[in-house]
Amino acid sequence: MDGIKYAVFTEKSLRLLGKNQYTFKVESGFTKTEIKHWVELFFGVKVVAVNSHRLPGKGRRIGPILGHTMHYRCMIITLQPGYSIPLLDREKN
């Protein structure tokens, strides 16, 4: 589970919980099939679809030095009807 950083709780992700879709931030180097395999193995659910988008890093300045944060990937995982991730179900209510 090193690839999945954390679950995302925004207005959109809470709305998607009603459609049995869960949103996670993941490391940018992992593919959709790897994340699908990890979610099915770790949570014991069946994944129907995985949608992803890559978010750019933000620019940071410390004095005269310009830098940036790392980019990351956001995955929206759709589960089969009847399956759910129990730790995240409390947010539906």
PDB file of N, CA and C in Angstrom:
ATOM      1  N   MET A   1       0.814  -1.196   0.000  1.00  0.00           N
ATOM      2  CA  MET A   1       0.000   0.000   0.000  1.00  0.00           C
ATOM      3  C   MET A   1       0.848   1.246   0.000  1.00  0.00           C
ATOM      4  N   ASP A   2       2.088   1.153  -0.419  1.00  0.00           N
ATOM      5  CA  ASP A   2       2.941   2.327  -0.454  1.00  0.00           C
ATOM      6  C   ASP A   2       2.487   3.330  -1.500  1.00  0.00           C
ATOM      7  N   GLY A   3       1.788   2.866  -2.538  1.00  0.00           N
ATOM      8  CA  GLY A   3       1.392   3.755  -3.609  1.00  0.00           C
ATOM      9  C   GLY A   3       0.261   4.692  -3.252  1.00  0.00           C
ATOM     10  N   ILE A   4      -0.651   4.265  -2.372  1.00  0.00           N
ATOM     11  CA  ILE A   4      -1.790   5.103  -1.999  1.00  0.00           C
ATOM     12  C   ILE A   4      -1.384   5.962  -0.810  1.00  0.00           C
ATOM     13  N   LYS A   5      -1.445   7.292  -0.991  1.00  0.00           N
ATOM     14  CA  LYS A   5      -1.064   8.201   0.092  1.00  0.00           C
ATOM     15  C   LYS A   5      -2.189   8.345   1.107  1.00  0.00           C
ATOM     16  N   TYR A   6      -3.356   8.804   0.650  1.00  0.00           N
ATOM     17  CA  TYR A   6      -4.465   9.032   1.565  1.00  0.00           C
ATOM     18  C   TYR A   6      -5.755   9.208   0.766  1.00  0.00           C
ATOM     19  N   ALA A   7      -6.878   9.092   1.458  1.00  0.00           N
ATOM     20  CA  ALA A   7      -8.184   9.331   0.850  1.00  0.00           C
ATOM     21  C   ALA A   7      -8.460  10.829   0.849  1.00  0.00           C
ATOM     22  N   VAL A   8      -9.191  11.273  -0.144  1.00  0.00           N
ATOM     23  CA  VAL A   8      -9.504  12.694  -0.303  1.00  0.00           C
ATOM     24  C   VAL A   8     -10.948  12.939   0.119  1.00  0.00           C
ATOM     25  N   PHE A   9     -11.174  13.993   0.908  1.00  0.00           N
ATOM     26  CA  PHE A   9     -12.518  14.365   1.335  1.00  0.00           C
ATOM     27  C   PHE A   9     -12.776  15.818   0.956  1.00  0.00           C
ATOM     28  N   THR A  10     -13.269  16.014  -0.261  1.00  0.00           N
ATOM     29  CA  THR A  10     -13.693  17.324  -0.732  1.00  0.00           C
ATOM     30  C   THR A  10     -15.188  17.250  -1.022  1.00  0.00           C
ATOM     31  N   GLU A  11     -15.772  18.361  -1.431  1.00  0.00           N
ATOM     32  CA  GLU A  11     -17.196  18.349  -1.758  1.00  0.00           C
ATOM     33  C   GLU A  11     -17.488  17.364  -2.885  1.00  0.00           C
ATOM     34  N   LYS A  12     -16.642  17.351  -3.887  1.00  0.00           N
ATOM     35  CA  LYS A  12     -16.853  16.446  -5.011  1.00  0.00           C
ATOM     36  C   LYS A  12     -16.684  14.993  -4.589  1.00  0.00           C
ATOM     37  N   SER A  13     -15.647  14.702  -3.801  1.00  0.00           N
ATOM     38  CA  SER A  13     -15.415  13.312  -3.409  1.00  0.00           C
ATOM     39  C   SER A  13     -16.526  12.804  -2.486  1.00  0.00           C
ATOM     40  N   LEU A  14     -17.067  13.672  -1.640  1.00  0.00           N
ATOM     41  CA  LEU A  14     -18.187  13.265  -0.792  1.00  0.00           C
ATOM     42  C   LEU A  14     -19.442  13.018  -1.621  1.00  0.00           C
ATOM     43  N   ARG A  15     -19.632  13.785  -2.677  1.00  0.00           N
ATOM     44  CA  ARG A  15     -20.755  13.564  -3.579  1.00  0.00           C
ATOM     45  C   ARG A  15     -20.594  12.239  -4.329  1.00  0.00           C
ATOM     46  N   LEU A  16     -19.350  11.900  -4.691  1.00  0.00           N
ATOM     47  CA  LEU A  16     -19.092  10.656  -5.419  1.00  0.00           C
ATOM     48  C   LEU A  16     -19.264   9.423  -4.541  1.00  0.00           C
ATOM     49  N   LEU A  17     -19.171   9.572  -3.217  1.00  0.00           N
ATOM     50  CA  LEU A  17     -19.379   8.430  -2.330  1.00  0.00           C
ATOM     51  C   LEU A  17     -20.781   7.850  -2.500  1.00  0.00           C
ATOM     52  N   GLY A  18     -21.747   8.684  -2.840  1.00  0.00           N
ATOM     53  CA  GLY A  18     -23.100   8.211  -3.086  1.00  0.00           C
ATOM     54  C   GLY A  18     -23.202   7.353  -4.338  1.00  0.00           C
ATOM     55  N   LYS A  19     -22.266   7.507  -5.259  1.00  0.00           N
ATOM     56  CA  LYS A  19     -22.224   6.713  -6.489  1.00  0.00           C
ATOM     57  C   LYS A  19     -21.268   5.528  -6.362  1.00  0.00           C
ATOM     58  N   ASN A  20     -20.838   5.243  -5.129  1.00  0.00           N
ATOM     59  CA  ASN A  20     -19.904   4.151  -4.850  1.00  0.00           C
ATOM     60  C   ASN A  20     -18.547   4.385  -5.513  1.00  0.00           C
ATOM     61  N   GLN A  21     -18.104   5.646  -5.531  1.00  0.00           N
ATOM     62  CA  GLN A  21     -16.806   6.017  -6.069  1.00  0.00           C
ATOM     63  C   GLN A  21     -15.979   6.636  -4.952  1.00  0.00           C
ATOM     64  N   TYR A  22     -14.725   6.231  -4.854  1.00  0.00           N
ATOM     65  CA  TYR A  22     -13.829   6.680  -3.799  1.00  0.00           C
ATOM     66  C   TYR A  22     -12.627   7.371  -4.423  1.00  0.00           C
ATOM     67  N   THR A  23     -12.158   8.435  -3.790  1.00  0.00           N
ATOM     68  CA  THR A  23     -11.073   9.243  -4.328  1.00  0.00           C
ATOM     69  C   THR A  23      -9.843   9.105  -3.438  1.00  0.00           C
ATOM     70  N   PHE A  24      -8.690   8.848  -4.072  1.00  0.00           N
ATOM     71  CA  PHE A  24      -7.432   8.690  -3.362  1.00  0.00           C
ATOM     72  C   PHE A  24      -6.341   9.506  -4.046  1.00  0.00           C
ATOM     73  N   LYS A  25      -5.402  10.014  -3.263  1.00  0.00           N
ATOM     74  CA  LYS A  25      -4.169  10.581  -3.803  1.00  0.00           C
ATOM     75  C   LYS A  25      -3.152   9.453  -3.810  1.00  0.00           C
ATOM     76  N   VAL A  26      -2.447   9.293  -4.923  1.00  0.00           N
ATOM     77  CA  VAL A  26      -1.477   8.214  -5.050  1.00  0.00           C
ATOM     78  C   VAL A  26      -0.155   8.774  -5.581  1.00  0.00           C
ATOM     79  N   GLU A  27       0.884   7.979  -5.449  1.00  0.00           N
ATOM     80  CA  GLU A  27       2.183   8.349  -6.005  1.00  0.00           C
ATOM     81  C   GLU A  27       2.052   8.433  -7.525  1.00  0.00           C
ATOM     82  N   SER A  28       2.739   9.360  -8.140  1.00  0.00           N
ATOM     83  CA  SER A  28       2.560   9.611  -9.571  1.00  0.00           C
ATOM     84  C   SER A  28       3.139   8.504 -10.454  1.00  0.00           C
ATOM     85  N   GLY A  29       3.998   7.658  -9.931  1.00  0.00           N
ATOM     86  CA  GLY A  29       4.622   6.624 -10.755  1.00  0.00           C
ATOM     87  C   GLY A  29       3.787   5.370 -10.939  1.00  0.00           C
ATOM     88  N   PHE A  30       2.676   5.226 -10.227  1.00  0.00           N
ATOM     89  CA  PHE A  30       1.880   4.011 -10.304  1.00  0.00           C
ATOM     90  C   PHE A  30       0.835   4.107 -11.407  1.00  0.00           C
ATOM     91  N   THR A  31       0.533   2.950 -12.008  1.00  0.00           N
ATOM     92  CA  THR A  31      -0.442   2.895 -13.095  1.00  0.00           C
ATOM     93  C   THR A  31      -1.817   2.546 -12.542  1.00  0.00           C
ATOM     94  N   LYS A  32      -2.831   2.652 -13.406  1.00  0.00           N
ATOM     95  CA  LYS A  32      -4.195   2.333 -13.001  1.00  0.00           C
ATOM     96  C   LYS A  32      -4.326   0.867 -12.602  1.00  0.00           C
ATOM     97  N   THR A  33      -3.697  -0.031 -13.338  1.00  0.00           N
ATOM     98  CA  THR A  33      -3.825  -1.453 -13.027  1.00  0.00           C
ATOM     99  C   THR A  33      -3.153  -1.798 -11.705  1.00  0.00           C
ATOM    100  N   GLU A  34      -2.046  -1.153 -11.392  1.00  0.00           N
ATOM    101  CA  GLU A  34      -1.389  -1.397 -10.104  1.00  0.00           C
ATOM    102  C   GLU A  34      -2.255  -0.922  -8.947  1.00  0.00           C
ATOM    103  N   ILE A  35      -2.839   0.263  -9.078  1.00  0.00           N
ATOM    104  CA  ILE A  35      -3.702   0.792  -8.023  1.00  0.00           C
ATOM    105  C   ILE A  35      -4.951  -0.075  -7.885  1.00  0.00           C
ATOM    106  N   LYS A  36      -5.528  -0.513  -8.997  1.00  0.00           N
ATOM    107  CA  LYS A  36      -6.695  -1.393  -8.952  1.00  0.00           C
ATOM    108  C   LYS A  36      -6.362  -2.677  -8.201  1.00  0.00           C
ATOM    109  N   HIS A  37      -5.217  -3.263  -8.494  1.00  0.00           N
ATOM    110  CA  HIS A  37      -4.790  -4.495  -7.817  1.00  0.00           C
ATOM    111  C   HIS A  37      -4.626  -4.270  -6.319  1.00  0.00           C
ATOM    112  N   TRP A  38      -3.982  -3.164  -5.931  1.00  0.00           N
ATOM    113  CA  TRP A  38      -3.759  -2.877  -4.509  1.00  0.00           C
ATOM    114  C   TRP A  38      -5.067  -2.651  -3.762  1.00  0.00           C
ATOM    115  N   VAL A  39      -6.009  -1.919  -4.371  1.00  0.00           N
ATOM    116  CA  VAL A  39      -7.290  -1.651  -3.709  1.00  0.00           C
ATOM    117  C   VAL A  39      -8.069  -2.949  -3.537  1.00  0.00           C
ATOM    118  N   GLU A  40      -8.115  -3.783  -4.581  1.00  0.00           N
ATOM    119  CA  GLU A  40      -8.830  -5.053  -4.479  1.00  0.00           C
ATOM    120  C   GLU A  40      -8.197  -5.963  -3.431  1.00  0.00           C
ATOM    121  N   LEU A  41      -6.882  -5.986  -3.368  1.00  0.00           N
ATOM    122  CA  LEU A  41      -6.185  -6.853  -2.421  1.00  0.00           C
ATOM    123  C   LEU A  41      -6.309  -6.346  -0.993  1.00  0.00           C
ATOM    124  N   PHE A  42      -6.108  -5.047  -0.786  1.00  0.00           N
ATOM    125  CA  PHE A  42      -6.072  -4.495   0.561  1.00  0.00           C
ATOM    126  C   PHE A  42      -7.456  -4.373   1.183  1.00  0.00           C
ATOM    127  N   PHE A  43      -8.455  -3.875   0.426  1.00  0.00           N
ATOM    128  CA  PHE A  43      -9.790  -3.650   0.961  1.00  0.00           C
ATOM    129  C   PHE A  43     -10.741  -4.818   0.721  1.00  0.00           C
ATOM    130  N   GLY A  44     -10.374  -5.788  -0.124  1.00  0.00           N
ATOM    131  CA  GLY A  44     -11.237  -6.931  -0.402  1.00  0.00           C
ATOM    132  C   GLY A  44     -12.499  -6.564  -1.151  1.00  0.00           C
ATOM    133  N   VAL A  45     -12.387  -5.689  -2.151  1.00  0.00           N
ATOM    134  CA  VAL A  45     -13.535  -5.241  -2.942  1.00  0.00           C
ATOM    135  C   VAL A  45     -13.273  -5.526  -4.414  1.00  0.00           C
ATOM    136  N   LYS A  46     -14.305  -5.409  -5.239  1.00  0.00           N
ATOM    137  CA  LYS A  46     -14.172  -5.546  -6.686  1.00  0.00           C
ATOM    138  C   LYS A  46     -14.241  -4.163  -7.323  1.00  0.00           C
ATOM    139  N   VAL A  47     -13.239  -3.822  -8.105  1.00  0.00           N
ATOM    140  CA  VAL A  47     -13.155  -2.514  -8.755  1.00  0.00           C
ATOM    141  C   VAL A  47     -13.680  -2.636 -10.172  1.00  0.00           C
ATOM    142  N   VAL A  48     -14.598  -1.737 -10.547  1.00  0.00           N
ATOM    143  CA  VAL A  48     -15.161  -1.709 -11.894  1.00  0.00           C
ATOM    144  C   VAL A  48     -14.312  -0.824 -12.800  1.00  0.00           C
ATOM    145  N   ALA A  49     -13.968   0.380 -12.314  1.00  0.00           N
ATOM    146  CA  ALA A  49     -13.239   1.331 -13.143  1.00  0.00           C
ATOM    147  C   ALA A  49     -12.305   2.168 -12.287  1.00  0.00           C
ATOM    148  N   VAL A  50     -11.237   2.645 -12.929  1.00  0.00           N
ATOM    149  CA  VAL A  50     -10.291   3.543 -12.274  1.00  0.00           C
ATOM    150  C   VAL A  50     -10.063   4.729 -13.198  1.00  0.00           C
ATOM    151  N   ASN A  51     -10.387   5.920 -12.732  1.00  0.00           N
ATOM    152  CA  ASN A  51     -10.129   7.150 -13.477  1.00  0.00           C
ATOM    153  C   ASN A  51      -9.024   7.911 -12.765  1.00  0.00           C
ATOM    154  N   SER A  52      -8.140   8.532 -13.538  1.00  0.00           N
ATOM    155  CA  SER A  52      -7.039   9.243 -12.893  1.00  0.00           C
ATOM    156  C   SER A  52      -6.747  10.542 -13.626  1.00  0.00           C
ATOM    157  N   HIS A  53      -6.173  11.463 -12.886  1.00  0.00           N
ATOM    158  CA  HIS A  53      -5.633  12.669 -13.492  1.00  0.00           C
ATOM    159  C   HIS A  53      -4.421  13.111 -12.688  1.00  0.00           C
ATOM    160  N   ARG A  54      -3.477  13.702 -13.389  1.00  0.00           N
ATOM    161  CA  ARG A  54      -2.226  14.131 -12.778  1.00  0.00           C
ATOM    162  C   ARG A  54      -2.321  15.609 -12.469  1.00  0.00           C
ATOM    163  N   LEU A  55      -2.071  15.953 -11.218  1.00  0.00           N
ATOM    164  CA  LEU A  55      -2.120  17.343 -10.789  1.00  0.00           C
ATOM    165  C   LEU A  55      -0.704  17.891 -10.711  1.00  0.00           C
ATOM    166  N   PRO A  56      -0.465  19.084 -11.219  1.00  0.00           N
ATOM    167  CA  PRO A  56       0.891  19.634 -11.206  1.00  0.00           C
ATOM    168  C   PRO A  56       1.307  20.067  -9.803  1.00  0.00           C
ATOM    169  N   GLY A  57       2.616  20.095  -9.587  1.00  0.00           N
ATOM    170  CA  GLY A  57       3.136  20.594  -8.322  1.00  0.00           C
ATOM    171  C   GLY A  57       3.014  22.106  -8.250  1.00  0.00           C
ATOM    172  N   LYS A  58       3.054  22.629  -7.048  1.00  0.00           N
ATOM    173  CA  LYS A  58       2.933  24.067  -6.859  1.00  0.00           C
ATOM    174  C   LYS A  58       4.317  24.687  -6.740  1.00  0.00           C
ATOM    175  N   GLY A  59       4.461  25.910  -7.223  1.00  0.00           N
ATOM    176  CA  GLY A  59       5.715  26.634  -7.098  1.00  0.00           C
ATOM    177  C   GLY A  59       5.921  27.135  -5.680  1.00  0.00           C
ATOM    178  N   ARG A  60       7.131  27.058  -5.201  1.00  0.00           N
ATOM    179  CA  ARG A  60       7.454  27.533  -3.859  1.00  0.00           C
ATOM    180  C   ARG A  60       8.702  28.409  -3.926  1.00  0.00           C
ATOM    181  N   ARG A  61       8.710  29.431  -3.105  1.00  0.00           N
ATOM    182  CA  ARG A  61       9.864  30.315  -3.049  1.00  0.00           C
ATOM    183  C   ARG A  61      10.311  30.424  -1.595  1.00  0.00           C
ATOM    184  N   ILE A  62      11.604  30.233  -1.378  1.00  0.00           N
ATOM    185  CA  ILE A  62      12.216  30.463  -0.073  1.00  0.00           C
ATOM    186  C   ILE A  62      13.329  31.479  -0.303  1.00  0.00           C
ATOM    187  N   GLY A  63      13.003  32.732  -0.051  1.00  0.00           N
ATOM    188  CA  GLY A  63      13.967  33.796  -0.328  1.00  0.00           C
ATOM    189  C   GLY A  63      14.207  33.896  -1.825  1.00  0.00           C
ATOM    190  N   PRO A  64      15.474  33.905  -2.233  1.00  0.00           N
ATOM    191  CA  PRO A  64      15.765  34.023  -3.661  1.00  0.00           C
ATOM    192  C   PRO A  64      15.688  32.699  -4.413  1.00  0.00           C
ATOM    193  N   ILE A  65      15.470  31.611  -3.706  1.00  0.00           N
ATOM    194  CA  ILE A  65      15.493  30.289  -4.331  1.00  0.00           C
ATOM    195  C   ILE A  65      14.082  29.896  -4.762  1.00  0.00           C
ATOM    196  N   LEU A  66      13.937  29.566  -6.042  1.00  0.00           N
ATOM    197  CA  LEU A  66      12.670  29.085  -6.573  1.00  0.00           C
ATOM    198  C   LEU A  66      12.672  27.561  -6.557  1.00  0.00           C
ATOM    199  N   GLY A  67      11.569  26.992  -6.174  1.00  0.00           N
ATOM    200  CA  GLY A  67      11.434  25.540  -6.158  1.00  0.00           C
ATOM    201  C   GLY A  67      10.004  25.154  -6.455  1.00  0.00           C
ATOM    202  N   HIS A  68       9.712  23.887  -6.293  1.00  0.00           N
ATOM    203  CA  HIS A  68       8.346  23.419  -6.511  1.00  0.00           C
ATOM    204  C   HIS A  68       8.117  22.146  -5.710  1.00  0.00           C
ATOM    205  N   THR A  69       6.846  21.879  -5.441  1.00  0.00           N
ATOM    206  CA  THR A  69       6.477  20.634  -4.783  1.00  0.00           C
ATOM    207  C   THR A  69       6.322  19.559  -5.852  1.00  0.00           C
ATOM    208  N   MET A  70       6.303  18.318  -5.424  1.00  0.00           N
ATOM    209  CA  MET A  70       6.172  17.213  -6.375  1.00  0.00           C
ATOM    210  C   MET A  70       4.745  17.143  -6.914  1.00  0.00           C
ATOM    211  N   HIS A  71       4.635  16.705  -8.164  1.00  0.00           N
ATOM    212  CA  HIS A  71       3.301  16.490  -8.712  1.00  0.00           C
ATOM    213  C   HIS A  71       2.774  15.164  -8.171  1.00  0.00           C
ATOM    214  N   TYR A  72       1.467  14.982  -8.231  1.00  0.00           N
ATOM    215  CA  TYR A  72       0.857  13.777  -7.718  1.00  0.00           C
ATOM    216  C   TYR A  72      -0.329  13.414  -8.587  1.00  0.00           C
ATOM    217  N   ARG A  73      -0.872  12.245  -8.364  1.00  0.00           N
ATOM    218  CA  ARG A  73      -1.966  11.726  -9.168  1.00  0.00           C
ATOM    219  C   ARG A  73      -3.173  11.486  -8.271  1.00  0.00           C
ATOM    220  N   CYS A  74      -4.333  11.819  -8.777  1.00  0.00           N
ATOM    221  CA  CYS A  74      -5.583  11.618  -8.057  1.00  0.00           C
ATOM    222  C   CYS A  74      -6.363  10.521  -8.789  1.00  0.00           C
ATOM    223  N   MET A  75      -6.785   9.485  -8.065  1.00  0.00           N
ATOM    224  CA  MET A  75      -7.521   8.365  -8.663  1.00  0.00           C
ATOM    225  C   MET A  75      -8.932   8.323  -8.109  1.00  0.00           C
ATOM    226  N   ILE A  76      -9.903   8.172  -8.996  1.00  0.00           N
ATOM    227  CA  ILE A  76     -11.292   7.954  -8.607  1.00  0.00           C
ATOM    228  C   ILE A  76     -11.607   6.503  -8.937  1.00  0.00           C
ATOM    229  N   ILE A  77     -11.897   5.717  -7.902  1.00  0.00           N
ATOM    230  CA  ILE A  77     -12.080   4.278  -8.042  1.00  0.00           C
ATOM    231  C   ILE A  77     -13.557   3.958  -7.871  1.00  0.00           C
ATOM    232  N   THR A  78     -14.133   3.289  -8.888  1.00  0.00           N
ATOM    233  CA  THR A  78     -15.535   2.899  -8.864  1.00  0.00           C
ATOM    234  C   THR A  78     -15.624   1.429  -8.479  1.00  0.00           C
ATOM    235  N   LEU A  79     -16.433   1.132  -7.457  1.00  0.00           N
ATOM    236  CA  LEU A  79     -16.601  -0.238  -6.993  1.00  0.00           C
ATOM    237  C   LEU A  79     -17.880  -0.835  -7.546  1.00  0.00           C
ATOM    238  N   GLN A  80     -17.924  -2.185  -7.588  1.00  0.00           N
ATOM    239  CA  GLN A  80     -19.137  -2.864  -8.002  1.00  0.00           C
ATOM    240  C   GLN A  80     -20.235  -2.608  -6.981  1.00  0.00           C
ATOM    241  N   PRO A  81     -21.507  -2.608  -7.416  1.00  0.00           N
ATOM    242  CA  PRO A  81     -22.605  -2.442  -6.455  1.00  0.00           C
ATOM    243  C   PRO A  81     -22.563  -3.557  -5.410  1.00  0.00           C
ATOM    244  N   GLY A  82     -22.808  -3.179  -4.172  1.00  0.00           N
ATOM    245  CA  GLY A  82     -22.769  -4.144  -3.079  1.00  0.00           C
ATOM    246  C   GLY A  82     -21.462  -4.136  -2.310  1.00  0.00           C
ATOM    247  N   TYR A  83     -20.425  -3.550  -2.883  1.00  0.00           N
ATOM    248  CA  TYR A  83     -19.129  -3.451  -2.214  1.00  0.00           C
ATOM    249  C   TYR A  83     -18.947  -2.036  -1.682  1.00  0.00           C
ATOM    250  N   SER A  84     -18.199  -1.912  -0.608  1.00  0.00           N
ATOM    251  CA  SER A  84     -17.868  -0.597  -0.072  1.00  0.00           C
ATOM    252  C   SER A  84     -16.586  -0.708   0.732  1.00  0.00           C
ATOM    253  N   ILE A  85     -15.958   0.422   0.961  1.00  0.00           N
ATOM    254  CA  ILE A  85     -14.766   0.484   1.799  1.00  0.00           C
ATOM    255  C   ILE A  85     -15.240   0.961   3.167  1.00  0.00           C
ATOM    256  N   PRO A  86     -15.174   0.109   4.196  1.00  0.00           N
ATOM    257  CA  PRO A  86     -15.829   0.420   5.463  1.00  0.00           C
ATOM    258  C   PRO A  86     -15.288   1.653   6.180  1.00  0.00           C
ATOM    259  N   LEU A  87     -14.017   1.938   6.095  1.00  0.00           N
ATOM    260  CA  LEU A  87     -13.464   3.083   6.800  1.00  0.00           C
ATOM    261  C   LEU A  87     -13.971   4.398   6.231  1.00  0.00           C
ATOM    262  N   LEU A  88     -14.337   4.406   4.964  1.00  0.00           N
ATOM    263  CA  LEU A  88     -14.759   5.638   4.311  1.00  0.00           C
ATOM    264  C   LEU A  88     -16.276   5.771   4.248  1.00  0.00           C
ATOM    265  N   ASP A  89     -17.017   4.744   4.645  1.00  0.00           N
ATOM    266  CA  ASP A  89     -18.473   4.785   4.569  1.00  0.00           C
ATOM    267  C   ASP A  89     -19.095   5.749   5.562  1.00  0.00           C
ATOM    268  N   ARG A  90     -18.408   6.050   6.639  1.00  0.00           N
ATOM    269  CA  ARG A  90     -18.966   6.971   7.633  1.00  0.00           C
ATOM    270  C   ARG A  90     -19.179   8.355   7.050  1.00  0.00           C
ATOM    271  N   GLU A  91     -18.426   8.703   6.009  1.00  0.00           N
ATOM    272  CA  GLU A  91     -18.549  10.025   5.399  1.00  0.00           C
ATOM    273  C   GLU A  91     -19.812  10.158   4.558  1.00  0.00           C
ATOM    274  N   LYS A  92     -20.472   9.027   4.193  1.00  0.00           N
ATOM    275  CA  LYS A  92     -21.697   9.105   3.403  1.00  0.00           C
ATOM    276  C   LYS A  92     -22.827   9.737   4.182  1.00  0.00           C
ATOM    277  N   ASN A  93     -22.863   9.517   5.489  1.00  0.00           N
ATOM    278  CA  ASN A  93     -23.981   9.990   6.315  1.00  0.00           C
ATOM    279  C   ASN A  93     -23.856  11.412   6.679  1.00  0.00           C
TER     280      ASN A  93
END
